Amino acid sequence: MKRQLLDILACPVCRHHPLMLEITKENEEGIIEGKLTCPRCNTAYPITEGIPDLIPR
């Protein structure tokens, strides 16, 4: 996932923007593993193999 994507992503549950980012693995191409968290509703969304999963569970 590219960092620039944070500029447009919003929480699908409450529509809050911006999301908080926690990176566990990154390379020169972008974020590989990590987590996006909404500070308003506290919903977390994993980033796996560079793909953010924004489907609420």
Protein backbone atom coordinates (compact mmCIF):
# COMPACT_ATOMS: atom_id res chain seq x y z
CA MET A 1 0.00 0.00 0.00
CA LYS A 2 1.32 3.44 -0.87
CA ARG A 3 1.36 6.05 1.90
CA GLN A 4 -0.47 8.48 -0.39
CA LEU A 5 -3.55 6.28 -0.10
CA LEU A 6 -3.98 7.56 3.47
CA ASP A 7 -4.97 10.93 1.99
CA ILE A 8 -8.18 9.47 0.57
CA LEU A 9 -9.07 6.53 2.84
CA ALA A 10 -11.87 6.94 5.37
CA CYS A 11 -13.42 4.51 7.82
CA PRO A 12 -16.22 2.58 6.10
CA VAL A 13 -18.10 2.28 9.41
CA CYS A 14 -18.24 5.91 10.57
CA ARG A 15 -16.67 7.78 7.61
CA HIS A 16 -13.95 9.34 9.80
CA HIS A 17 -10.80 10.61 8.07
CA PRO A 18 -7.83 10.22 8.51
CA LEU A 19 -7.11 6.71 9.74
CA MET A 20 -4.17 5.95 12.02
CA LEU A 21 -1.41 3.81 10.52
CA GLU A 22 0.71 1.19 12.28
CA ILE A 23 3.44 -0.34 10.10
CA THR A 24 4.99 -3.72 10.85
CA LYS A 25 6.72 -4.27 7.48
CA GLU A 26 7.65 -1.79 4.76
CA ASN A 27 9.93 -1.69 1.73
CA GLU A 28 10.84 0.88 -0.92
CA GLU A 29 7.57 0.21 -2.77
CA GLY A 30 5.26 0.81 0.18
CA ILE A 31 3.66 -0.68 3.26
CA ILE A 32 3.58 -4.49 3.19
CA GLU A 33 2.09 -5.37 6.58
CA GLY A 34 0.39 -3.29 9.22
CA LYS A 35 -2.90 -1.97 10.47
CA LEU A 36 -5.19 0.99 9.85
CA THR A 37 -7.29 2.05 12.84
CA CYS A 38 -10.13 4.53 13.05
CA PRO A 39 -9.59 6.82 16.05
CA ARG A 40 -13.32 7.60 16.25
CA CYS A 41 -14.94 4.13 16.32
CA ASN A 42 -11.75 2.14 17.08
CA THR A 43 -12.30 -0.30 14.19
CA ALA A 44 -9.06 -1.87 12.93
CA TYR A 45 -8.33 -2.88 9.34
CA PRO A 46 -5.34 -5.11 8.51
CA ILE A 47 -2.86 -4.46 5.73
CA THR A 48 -1.70 -7.81 4.35
CA GLU A 49 0.73 -8.26 1.46
CA GLY A 50 0.34 -4.56 0.67
CA ILE A 51 -3.47 -4.65 0.47
CA PRO A 52 -5.65 -2.83 3.04
CA ASP A 53 -8.76 -4.85 3.96
CA LEU A 54 -11.44 -2.23 4.64
CA ILE A 55 -14.33 -4.67 4.96
CA PRO A 56 -15.84 -4.28 8.46
CA ARG A 57 -16.11 -7.53 10.41
